Amino acid sequence: MATKSAATAVDWTKIYTGLGLDKTTLTSLQSFRARHSTAVSKNSALKATVPQIDLSHYKSVLKDQQAVSLAEKVLKDFKAVDYDVSKWNEVVGAFEGKAVAAAKETVNKIQTEQSSLQATLSNIQDARPFEDLTVDEVAKARPEINKAVETMIKKGKWSVPGYREKFGEFSLM
């Protein structure tokens, strides 16, 4: 009875949307939920369909009374078999371990991304206006610009590609 209440107490929409899980973890959770609901429905269907066999009817209809008495004996002697589910518990435990590891990895990725975004946000908030920056500060922030300019100077290129097309010709000569 406790497992039914625990299964119904899970808020699946909050898990799917609120935790920021990756696609493989979500797919695994959805397939697990589908398997669980299928197993629950099959279990309830089997519990609801316990067959009641009226052997007296068969005794009156069939000529072979020995077959009916044998069937009656088999039904009386029938006992349900208990299966060892420890192997399944190991499989579920392994699945749970993988799911927990994937969830922890996702949490670490999200925390790393959050700290990176927080640093970027603080840089944006603390940044000076573009007009107040010096060439040295821009070169320090983006060293690839300095390298590109040095390469252009070494090759004797004194104009920026695409500048005239974008801004037009401003020379007076």
N, C-alpha and C. Protein backbone atom coordinates (compact mmCIF):
# COMPACT_ATOMS: atom_id res chain seq x y z
N MET A 1 0.82 -1.18 0.00
CA MET A 1 0.00 0.00 0.00
C MET A 1 0.87 1.25 0.00
N ALA A 2 2.01 1.18 0.68
CA ALA A 2 2.90 2.35 0.75
C ALA A 2 3.51 2.66 -0.61
N THR A 3 3.77 1.61 -1.43
CA THR A 3 4.35 1.86 -2.74
C THR A 3 3.38 2.58 -3.64
N LYS A 4 2.09 2.29 -3.52
CA LYS A 4 1.12 2.99 -4.35
C LYS A 4 1.09 4.47 -4.00
N SER A 5 1.12 4.80 -2.71
CA SER A 5 1.08 6.20 -2.33
C SER A 5 2.37 6.91 -2.72
N ALA A 6 3.49 6.23 -2.67
CA ALA A 6 4.76 6.84 -3.08
C ALA A 6 4.78 7.08 -4.58
N ALA A 7 4.24 6.14 -5.34
CA ALA A 7 4.23 6.30 -6.80
C ALA A 7 3.30 7.43 -7.22
N THR A 8 2.21 7.61 -6.52
CA THR A 8 1.29 8.69 -6.89
C THR A 8 1.74 10.03 -6.36
N ALA A 9 2.62 10.04 -5.38
CA ALA A 9 3.08 11.30 -4.80
C ALA A 9 4.15 11.99 -5.64
N VAL A 10 4.71 11.30 -6.63
CA VAL A 10 5.76 11.89 -7.46
C VAL A 10 5.14 12.90 -8.42
N ASP A 11 5.68 14.10 -8.45
CA ASP A 11 5.22 15.14 -9.37
C ASP A 11 6.12 15.10 -10.62
N TRP A 12 5.68 14.34 -11.61
CA TRP A 12 6.50 14.09 -12.80
C TRP A 12 6.74 15.37 -13.60
N THR A 13 5.77 16.24 -13.69
CA THR A 13 5.96 17.47 -14.46
C THR A 13 7.04 18.34 -13.83
N LYS A 14 7.10 18.36 -12.51
CA LYS A 14 8.15 19.14 -11.84
C LYS A 14 9.52 18.53 -12.11
N ILE A 15 9.59 17.21 -12.14
CA ILE A 15 10.86 16.53 -12.42
C ILE A 15 11.29 16.81 -13.85
N TYR A 16 10.35 16.70 -14.80
CA TYR A 16 10.69 16.88 -16.22
C TYR A 16 11.11 18.31 -16.53
N THR A 17 10.42 19.29 -15.94
CA THR A 17 10.69 20.68 -16.32
C THR A 17 11.57 21.43 -15.33
N GLY A 18 11.46 21.13 -14.06
CA GLY A 18 12.11 21.94 -13.05
C GLY A 18 13.55 21.61 -12.74
N LEU A 19 13.99 20.40 -13.06
CA LEU A 19 15.34 20.00 -12.66
C LEU A 19 16.39 20.24 -13.73
N GLY A 20 15.98 20.53 -14.95
CA GLY A 20 16.94 20.78 -16.02
C GLY A 20 17.74 19.55 -16.39
N LEU A 21 17.10 18.39 -16.43
CA LEU A 21 17.79 17.15 -16.76
C LEU A 21 18.08 17.06 -18.25
N ASP A 22 19.12 16.30 -18.61
CA ASP A 22 19.44 16.15 -20.02
C ASP A 22 18.47 15.16 -20.69
N LYS A 23 18.56 15.09 -22.01
CA LYS A 23 17.58 14.31 -22.79
C LYS A 23 17.63 12.82 -22.47
N THR A 24 18.81 12.26 -22.25
CA THR A 24 18.91 10.82 -21.99
C THR A 24 18.29 10.47 -20.64
N THR A 25 18.48 11.33 -19.66
CA THR A 25 17.88 11.08 -18.35
C THR A 25 16.37 11.20 -18.43
N LEU A 26 15.88 12.20 -19.15
CA LEU A 26 14.43 12.35 -19.31
C LEU A 26 13.82 11.16 -20.04
N THR A 27 14.51 10.70 -21.09
CA THR A 27 14.02 9.54 -21.84
C THR A 27 13.98 8.31 -20.95
N SER A 28 15.01 8.12 -20.15
CA SER A 28 15.05 6.97 -19.24
C SER A 28 13.93 7.06 -18.20
N LEU A 29 13.72 8.24 -17.67
CA LEU A 29 12.64 8.41 -16.69
C LEU A 29 11.27 8.16 -17.31
N GLN A 30 11.07 8.64 -18.53
CA GLN A 30 9.78 8.45 -19.18
C GLN A 30 9.54 6.98 -19.50
N SER A 31 10.58 6.27 -19.95
CA SER A 31 10.41 4.85 -20.23
C SER A 31 10.18 4.06 -18.94
N PHE A 32 10.85 4.45 -17.86
CA PHE A 32 10.62 3.81 -16.57
C PHE A 32 9.19 4.03 -16.10
N ARG A 33 8.70 5.25 -16.27
CA ARG A 33 7.32 5.56 -15.87
C ARG A 33 6.33 4.76 -16.70
N ALA A 34 6.60 4.62 -18.01
CA ALA A 34 5.71 3.85 -18.87
C ALA A 34 5.71 2.38 -18.47
N ARG A 35 6.90 1.82 -18.20
CA ARG A 35 6.97 0.42 -17.77
C ARG A 35 6.25 0.21 -16.45
N HIS A 36 6.38 1.17 -15.53
CA HIS A 36 5.72 1.07 -14.24
C HIS A 36 4.20 1.09 -14.41
N SER A 37 3.69 2.01 -15.20
CA SER A 37 2.24 2.09 -15.38
C SER A 37 1.70 0.86 -16.09
N THR A 38 2.47 0.30 -17.04
CA THR A 38 2.07 -0.93 -17.72
C THR A 38 2.02 -2.10 -16.73
N ALA A 39 3.03 -2.20 -15.89
CA ALA A 39 3.07 -3.27 -14.90
C ALA A 39 1.92 -3.14 -13.89
N VAL A 40 1.62 -1.92 -13.47
CA VAL A 40 0.52 -1.71 -12.54
C VAL A 40 -0.81 -2.10 -13.17
N SER A 41 -1.01 -1.70 -14.43
CA SER A 41 -2.28 -2.04 -15.08
C SER A 41 -2.41 -3.54 -15.32
N LYS A 42 -1.32 -4.19 -15.71
CA LYS A 42 -1.37 -5.65 -15.89
C LYS A 42 -1.65 -6.36 -14.56
N ASN A 43 -1.02 -5.88 -13.50
CA ASN A 43 -1.23 -6.47 -12.19
C ASN A 43 -2.68 -6.33 -11.74
N SER A 44 -3.24 -5.16 -11.91
CA SER A 44 -4.64 -4.96 -11.50
C SER A 44 -5.58 -5.77 -12.38
N ALA A 45 -5.25 -5.92 -13.68
CA ALA A 45 -6.10 -6.72 -14.56
C ALA A 45 -6.06 -8.20 -14.16
N LEU A 46 -4.87 -8.68 -13.80
CA LEU A 46 -4.75 -10.08 -13.38
C LEU A 46 -5.45 -10.31 -12.04
N LYS A 47 -5.37 -9.36 -11.14
CA LYS A 47 -6.05 -9.52 -9.85
C LYS A 47 -7.57 -9.52 -10.03
N ALA A 48 -8.04 -8.77 -11.00
CA ALA A 48 -9.48 -8.67 -11.22
C ALA A 48 -10.04 -9.90 -11.93
N THR A 49 -9.21 -10.66 -12.61
CA THR A 49 -9.71 -11.79 -13.39
C THR A 49 -9.32 -13.13 -12.78
N VAL A 50 -9.61 -13.33 -11.52
CA VAL A 50 -9.37 -14.62 -10.89
C VAL A 50 -10.48 -15.56 -11.38
N PRO A 51 -10.14 -16.63 -12.07
CA PRO A 51 -11.17 -17.50 -12.64
C PRO A 51 -11.84 -18.37 -11.57
N GLN A 52 -13.14 -18.44 -11.62
CA GLN A 52 -13.92 -19.33 -10.76
C GLN A 52 -14.43 -20.47 -11.65
N ILE A 53 -13.94 -21.65 -11.39
CA ILE A 53 -14.30 -22.80 -12.22
C ILE A 53 -15.36 -23.63 -11.49
N ASP A 54 -16.46 -23.84 -12.20
CA ASP A 54 -17.56 -24.64 -11.65
C ASP A 54 -17.38 -26.08 -12.13
N LEU A 55 -16.72 -26.90 -11.31
CA LEU A 55 -16.43 -28.28 -11.70
C LEU A 55 -17.69 -29.16 -11.69
N SER A 56 -18.68 -28.78 -10.93
CA SER A 56 -19.91 -29.57 -10.93
C SER A 56 -20.59 -29.53 -12.30
N HIS A 57 -20.48 -28.42 -12.97
CA HIS A 57 -21.02 -28.32 -14.33
C HIS A 57 -20.30 -29.29 -15.26
N TYR A 58 -18.95 -29.33 -15.15
CA TYR A 58 -18.19 -30.24 -16.00
C TYR A 58 -18.48 -31.71 -15.66
N LYS A 59 -18.72 -32.00 -14.39
CA LYS A 59 -19.06 -33.37 -13.99
C LYS A 59 -20.38 -33.80 -14.63
N SER A 60 -21.30 -32.88 -14.75
CA SER A 60 -22.60 -33.24 -15.34
C SER A 60 -22.54 -33.29 -16.86
N VAL A 61 -21.63 -32.57 -17.49
CA VAL A 61 -21.57 -32.50 -18.95
C VAL A 61 -20.63 -33.55 -19.53
N LEU A 62 -19.49 -33.76 -18.93
CA LEU A 62 -18.48 -34.65 -19.48
C LEU A 62 -18.72 -36.10 -19.07
N LYS A 63 -18.40 -37.01 -20.00
CA LYS A 63 -18.54 -38.43 -19.71
C LYS A 63 -17.33 -38.95 -18.94
N ASP A 64 -16.17 -38.37 -19.19
CA ASP A 64 -14.94 -38.83 -18.55
C ASP A 64 -14.81 -38.17 -17.18
N GLN A 65 -15.32 -38.80 -16.15
CA GLN A 65 -15.31 -38.27 -14.79
C GLN A 65 -13.91 -38.26 -14.20
N GLN A 66 -13.07 -39.15 -14.69
CA GLN A 66 -11.70 -39.23 -14.18
C GLN A 66 -10.93 -37.95 -14.56
N ALA A 67 -11.17 -37.42 -15.76
CA ALA A 67 -10.51 -36.19 -16.19
C ALA A 67 -10.95 -35.01 -15.32
N VAL A 68 -12.24 -34.98 -14.98
CA VAL A 68 -12.77 -33.90 -14.15
C VAL A 68 -12.19 -34.00 -12.74
N SER A 69 -12.11 -35.21 -12.19
CA SER A 69 -11.55 -35.36 -10.84
C SER A 69 -10.06 -35.04 -10.83
N LEU A 70 -9.35 -35.37 -11.91
CA LEU A 70 -7.93 -35.02 -12.01
C LEU A 70 -7.77 -33.49 -12.06
N ALA A 71 -8.61 -32.83 -12.84
CA ALA A 71 -8.56 -31.36 -12.92
C ALA A 71 -8.87 -30.74 -11.55
N GLU A 72 -9.84 -31.32 -10.84
CA GLU A 72 -10.20 -30.83 -9.52
C GLU A 72 -9.03 -30.99 -8.55
N LYS A 73 -8.35 -32.12 -8.64
CA LYS A 73 -7.20 -32.37 -7.77
C LYS A 73 -6.07 -31.39 -8.07
N VAL A 74 -5.82 -31.15 -9.36
CA VAL A 74 -4.76 -30.22 -9.75
C VAL A 74 -5.07 -28.81 -9.25
N LEU A 75 -6.33 -28.40 -9.37
CA LEU A 75 -6.71 -27.07 -8.91
C LEU A 75 -6.58 -26.93 -7.39
N LYS A 76 -6.92 -27.99 -6.67
CA LYS A 76 -6.80 -27.93 -5.20
C LYS A 76 -5.35 -27.91 -4.75
N ASP A 77 -4.50 -28.61 -5.48
CA ASP A 77 -3.09 -28.70 -5.11
C ASP A 77 -2.26 -27.51 -5.60
N PHE A 78 -2.86 -26.66 -6.41
CA PHE A 78 -2.11 -25.53 -6.98
C PHE A 78 -1.72 -24.54 -5.90
N LYS A 79 -0.45 -24.18 -5.93
CA LYS A 79 0.06 -23.13 -5.04
C LYS A 79 0.89 -22.17 -5.88
N ALA A 80 0.73 -20.90 -5.62
CA ALA A 80 1.48 -19.89 -6.37
C ALA A 80 2.97 -20.02 -6.06
N VAL A 81 3.77 -19.77 -7.07
CA VAL A 81 5.21 -19.89 -6.94
C VAL A 81 5.79 -18.51 -6.66
N ASP A 82 6.67 -18.45 -5.70
CA ASP A 82 7.39 -17.21 -5.41
C ASP A 82 8.66 -17.20 -6.24
N TYR A 83 8.91 -16.09 -6.88
CA TYR A 83 10.11 -15.95 -7.69
C TYR A 83 11.13 -15.10 -6.97
N ASP A 84 12.39 -15.41 -7.22
CA ASP A 84 13.47 -14.63 -6.64
C ASP A 84 13.66 -13.38 -7.49
N VAL A 85 13.40 -12.23 -6.92
CA VAL A 85 13.49 -10.98 -7.66
C VAL A 85 14.78 -10.22 -7.34
N SER A 86 15.71 -10.88 -6.72
CA SER A 86 16.96 -10.20 -6.36
C SER A 86 17.73 -9.76 -7.61
N LYS A 87 17.64 -10.56 -8.69
CA LYS A 87 18.32 -10.17 -9.94
C LYS A 87 17.71 -8.89 -10.49
N TRP A 88 16.37 -8.81 -10.42
CA TRP A 88 15.71 -7.60 -10.90
C TRP A 88 16.05 -6.41 -10.01
N ASN A 89 16.19 -6.66 -8.73
CA ASN A 89 16.58 -5.59 -7.83
C ASN A 89 17.96 -5.06 -8.17
N GLU A 90 18.86 -5.96 -8.58
CA GLU A 90 20.20 -5.54 -8.99
C GLU A 90 20.13 -4.70 -10.25
N VAL A 91 19.27 -5.10 -11.21
CA VAL A 91 19.12 -4.34 -12.45
C VAL A 91 18.57 -2.95 -12.15
N VAL A 92 17.54 -2.91 -11.30
CA VAL A 92 16.96 -1.63 -10.92
C VAL A 92 17.99 -0.78 -10.18
N GLY A 93 18.77 -1.40 -9.33
CA GLY A 93 19.81 -0.67 -8.61
C GLY A 93 20.85 -0.10 -9.56
N ALA A 94 21.23 -0.88 -10.58
CA ALA A 94 22.20 -0.38 -11.56
C ALA A 94 21.61 0.78 -12.35
N PHE A 95 20.34 0.64 -12.74
CA PHE A 95 19.66 1.73 -13.45
C PHE A 95 19.59 2.97 -12.58
N GLU A 96 19.26 2.78 -11.32
CA GLU A 96 19.17 3.89 -10.39
C GLU A 96 20.54 4.57 -10.23
N GLY A 97 21.59 3.75 -10.16
CA GLY A 97 22.94 4.31 -10.03
C GLY A 97 23.31 5.15 -11.24
N LYS A 98 22.98 4.64 -12.44
CA LYS A 98 23.27 5.41 -13.66
C LYS A 98 22.45 6.69 -13.69
N ALA A 99 21.18 6.60 -13.30
CA ALA A 99 20.32 7.79 -13.31
C ALA A 99 20.83 8.83 -12.32
N VAL A 100 21.26 8.39 -11.14
CA VAL A 100 21.77 9.32 -10.13
C VAL A 100 23.08 9.95 -10.62
N ALA A 101 23.94 9.13 -11.23
CA ALA A 101 25.21 9.67 -11.75
C ALA A 101 24.95 10.69 -12.85
N ALA A 102 24.01 10.38 -13.74
CA ALA A 102 23.67 11.33 -14.81
C ALA A 102 23.06 12.60 -14.24
N ALA A 103 22.25 12.46 -13.22
CA ALA A 103 21.64 13.64 -12.58
C ALA A 103 22.71 14.50 -11.91
N LYS A 104 23.67 13.86 -11.23
CA LYS A 104 24.74 14.62 -10.58
C LYS A 104 25.60 15.33 -11.62
N GLU A 105 25.87 14.64 -12.73
CA GLU A 105 26.66 15.25 -13.80
C GLU A 105 25.92 16.46 -14.38
N THR A 106 24.61 16.31 -14.55
CA THR A 106 23.80 17.41 -15.05
C THR A 106 23.82 18.58 -14.08
N VAL A 107 23.72 18.30 -12.80
CA VAL A 107 23.76 19.36 -11.78
C VAL A 107 25.10 20.08 -11.84
N ASN A 108 26.19 19.33 -11.99
CA ASN A 108 27.52 19.95 -12.07
C ASN A 108 27.63 20.84 -13.30
N LYS A 109 27.11 20.35 -14.44
CA LYS A 109 27.15 21.16 -15.67
C LYS A 109 26.35 22.44 -15.50
N ILE A 110 25.18 22.31 -14.90
CA ILE A 110 24.33 23.48 -14.71
C ILE A 110 24.98 24.48 -13.77
N GLN A 111 25.61 23.99 -12.70
CA GLN A 111 26.28 24.89 -11.76
C GLN A 111 27.46 25.60 -12.42
N THR A 112 28.20 24.86 -13.25
CA THR A 112 29.32 25.46 -13.96
C THR A 112 28.83 26.54 -14.92
N GLU A 113 27.79 26.20 -15.67
CA GLU A 113 27.23 27.17 -16.61
C GLU A 113 26.65 28.38 -15.88
N GLN A 114 26.02 28.14 -14.75
CA GLN A 114 25.45 29.24 -13.97
C GLN A 114 26.54 30.18 -13.47
N SER A 115 27.63 29.61 -12.97
CA SER A 115 28.72 30.47 -12.48
C SER A 115 29.35 31.25 -13.63
N SER A 116 29.47 30.61 -14.80
CA SER A 116 30.01 31.30 -15.97
C SER A 116 29.09 32.45 -16.39
N LEU A 117 27.79 32.18 -16.41
CA LEU A 117 26.83 33.22 -16.77
C LEU A 117 26.81 34.34 -15.73
N GLN A 118 26.98 33.98 -14.48
CA GLN A 118 27.02 34.99 -13.41
C GLN A 118 28.24 35.89 -13.59
N ALA A 119 29.39 35.29 -13.93
CA ALA A 119 30.61 36.07 -14.16
C ALA A 119 30.43 36.99 -15.37
N THR A 120 29.81 36.47 -16.43
CA THR A 120 29.57 37.27 -17.62
C THR A 120 28.63 38.43 -17.30
N LEU A 121 27.60 38.15 -16.53
CA LEU A 121 26.66 39.21 -16.13
C LEU A 121 27.35 40.29 -15.32
N SER A 122 28.19 39.89 -14.38
CA SER A 122 28.90 40.89 -13.57
C SER A 122 29.87 41.69 -14.44
N ASN A 123 30.50 41.05 -15.44
CA ASN A 123 31.38 41.78 -16.36
C ASN A 123 30.59 42.81 -17.17
N ILE A 124 29.39 42.41 -17.60
CA ILE A 124 28.56 43.32 -18.38
C ILE A 124 28.12 44.50 -17.52
N GLN A 125 27.73 44.22 -16.29
CA GLN A 125 27.27 45.29 -15.41
C GLN A 125 28.40 46.22 -15.01
N ASP A 126 29.60 45.70 -14.86
CA ASP A 126 30.74 46.51 -14.43
C ASP A 126 31.51 47.13 -15.59
N ALA A 127 31.14 46.83 -16.81
CA ALA A 127 31.90 47.29 -17.98
C ALA A 127 31.73 48.80 -18.19
N ARG A 128 32.80 49.39 -18.68
CA ARG A 128 32.74 50.80 -19.03
C ARG A 128 32.13 50.93 -20.42
N PRO A 129 31.64 52.11 -20.76
CA PRO A 129 31.12 52.31 -22.12
C PRO A 129 32.22 52.11 -23.15
N PHE A 130 31.85 51.72 -24.34
CA PHE A 130 32.79 51.41 -25.41
C PHE A 130 33.65 52.63 -25.75
N GLU A 131 33.08 53.81 -25.67
CA GLU A 131 33.81 55.04 -26.01
C GLU A 131 34.95 55.31 -25.04
N ASP A 132 34.85 54.80 -23.81
CA ASP A 132 35.88 55.06 -22.79
C ASP A 132 37.03 54.06 -22.83
N LEU A 133 36.94 53.04 -23.65
CA LEU A 133 38.00 52.02 -23.72
C LEU A 133 39.18 52.52 -24.51
N THR A 134 40.37 52.05 -24.12
CA THR A 134 41.58 52.37 -24.88
C THR A 134 41.93 51.19 -25.77
N VAL A 135 42.81 51.44 -26.72
CA VAL A 135 43.24 50.38 -27.64
C VAL A 135 43.95 49.28 -26.88
N ASP A 136 44.74 49.64 -25.89
CA ASP A 136 45.46 48.64 -25.10
C ASP A 136 44.49 47.74 -24.34
N GLU A 137 43.42 48.30 -23.80
CA GLU A 137 42.45 47.50 -23.07
C GLU A 137 41.71 46.53 -24.00
N VAL A 138 41.39 46.99 -25.19
CA VAL A 138 40.73 46.11 -26.17
C VAL A 138 41.68 45.00 -26.58
N ALA A 139 42.96 45.34 -26.82
CA ALA A 139 43.94 44.33 -27.21
C ALA A 139 44.17 43.33 -26.09
N LYS A 140 44.12 43.79 -24.84
CA LYS A 140 44.29 42.88 -23.72
C LYS A 140 43.09 41.95 -23.58
N ALA A 141 41.89 42.48 -23.81
CA ALA A 141 40.68 41.67 -23.69
C ALA A 141 40.54 40.68 -24.85
N ARG A 142 40.94 41.09 -26.05
CA ARG A 142 40.80 40.23 -27.23
C ARG A 142 42.15 40.19 -27.97
N PRO A 143 43.09 39.32 -27.54
CA PRO A 143 44.42 39.28 -28.15
C PRO A 143 44.40 38.88 -29.63
N GLU A 144 43.35 38.22 -30.07
CA GLU A 144 43.29 37.82 -31.49
C GLU A 144 43.19 39.03 -32.41
N ILE A 145 42.64 40.13 -31.92
CA ILE A 145 42.56 41.35 -32.73
C ILE A 145 43.97 41.87 -32.98
N ASN A 146 44.78 41.89 -31.95
CA ASN A 146 46.17 42.35 -32.07
C ASN A 146 46.94 41.47 -33.06
N LYS A 147 46.75 40.17 -32.98
CA LYS A 147 47.45 39.25 -33.90
C LYS A 147 47.01 39.48 -35.33
N ALA A 148 45.71 39.70 -35.54
CA ALA A 148 45.20 39.93 -36.90
C ALA A 148 45.78 41.23 -37.48
N VAL A 149 45.87 42.27 -36.66
CA VAL A 149 46.43 43.54 -37.12
C VAL A 149 47.90 43.38 -37.46
N GLU A 150 48.66 42.68 -36.61
CA GLU A 150 50.08 42.45 -36.88
C GLU A 150 50.28 41.68 -38.17
N THR A 151 49.45 40.67 -38.41
CA THR A 151 49.54 39.89 -39.64
C THR A 151 49.24 40.76 -40.86
N MET A 152 48.24 41.60 -40.77
CA MET A 152 47.89 42.49 -41.89
C MET A 152 49.03 43.47 -42.18
N ILE A 153 49.67 43.99 -41.13
CA ILE A 153 50.77 44.94 -41.32
C ILE A 153 51.95 44.24 -41.98
N LYS A 154 52.26 43.00 -41.54
CA LYS A 154 53.37 42.25 -42.13
C LYS A 154 53.13 41.98 -43.61
N LYS A 155 51.88 41.77 -43.99
CA LYS A 155 51.55 41.48 -45.39
C LYS A 155 51.35 42.76 -46.20
N GLY A 156 51.41 43.91 -45.55
CA GLY A 156 51.28 45.17 -46.25
C GLY A 156 49.84 45.56 -46.54
N LYS A 157 48.93 44.99 -45.86
CA LYS A 157 47.52 45.34 -46.05
C LYS A 157 47.19 46.44 -45.06
N TRP A 158 46.82 47.60 -45.58
CA TRP A 158 46.55 48.74 -44.72
C TRP A 158 45.06 49.04 -44.61
N SER A 159 44.24 48.24 -45.27
CA SER A 159 42.79 48.48 -45.18
C SER A 159 42.10 47.21 -44.66
N VAL A 160 41.00 47.42 -44.00
CA VAL A 160 40.25 46.32 -43.42
C VAL A 160 39.30 45.77 -44.49
N PRO A 161 39.32 44.46 -44.73
CA PRO A 161 38.43 43.90 -45.75
C PRO A 161 36.96 44.17 -45.41
N GLY A 162 36.21 44.66 -46.40
CA GLY A 162 34.79 44.92 -46.22
C GLY A 162 34.47 46.28 -45.65
N TYR A 163 35.49 47.07 -45.29
CA TYR A 163 35.23 48.38 -44.68
C TYR A 163 34.62 49.35 -45.68
N ARG A 164 35.20 49.43 -46.90
CA ARG A 164 34.69 50.36 -47.91
C ARG A 164 33.28 49.99 -48.36
N GLU A 165 33.00 48.68 -48.42
CA GLU A 165 31.66 48.26 -48.83
C GLU A 165 30.63 48.65 -47.77
N LYS A 166 31.03 48.61 -46.53
CA LYS A 166 30.09 48.89 -45.45
C LYS A 166 29.97 50.39 -45.17
N PHE A 167 31.10 51.11 -45.17
CA PHE A 167 31.08 52.51 -44.78
C PHE A 167 31.31 53.49 -45.94
N GLY A 168 31.73 53.02 -47.08
CA GLY A 168 31.97 53.90 -48.23
C GLY A 168 33.38 54.45 -48.25
N GLU A 169 33.66 55.24 -49.30
CA GLU A 169 34.99 55.82 -49.52
C GLU A 169 35.00 57.22 -48.93
N PHE A 170 35.94 57.52 -48.05
CA PHE A 170 36.01 58.83 -47.42
C PHE A 170 37.30 59.58 -47.78
N SER A 171 38.08 59.05 -48.69
CA SER A 171 39.34 59.74 -49.03
C SER A 171 39.04 61.00 -49.86
N LEU A 172 39.84 62.02 -49.67
CA LEU A 172 39.66 63.28 -50.37
C LEU A 172 40.43 63.32 -51.67
N MET A 173 41.33 62.46 -51.88
CA MET A 173 42.14 62.48 -53.09
C MET A 173 41.53 61.67 -54.18
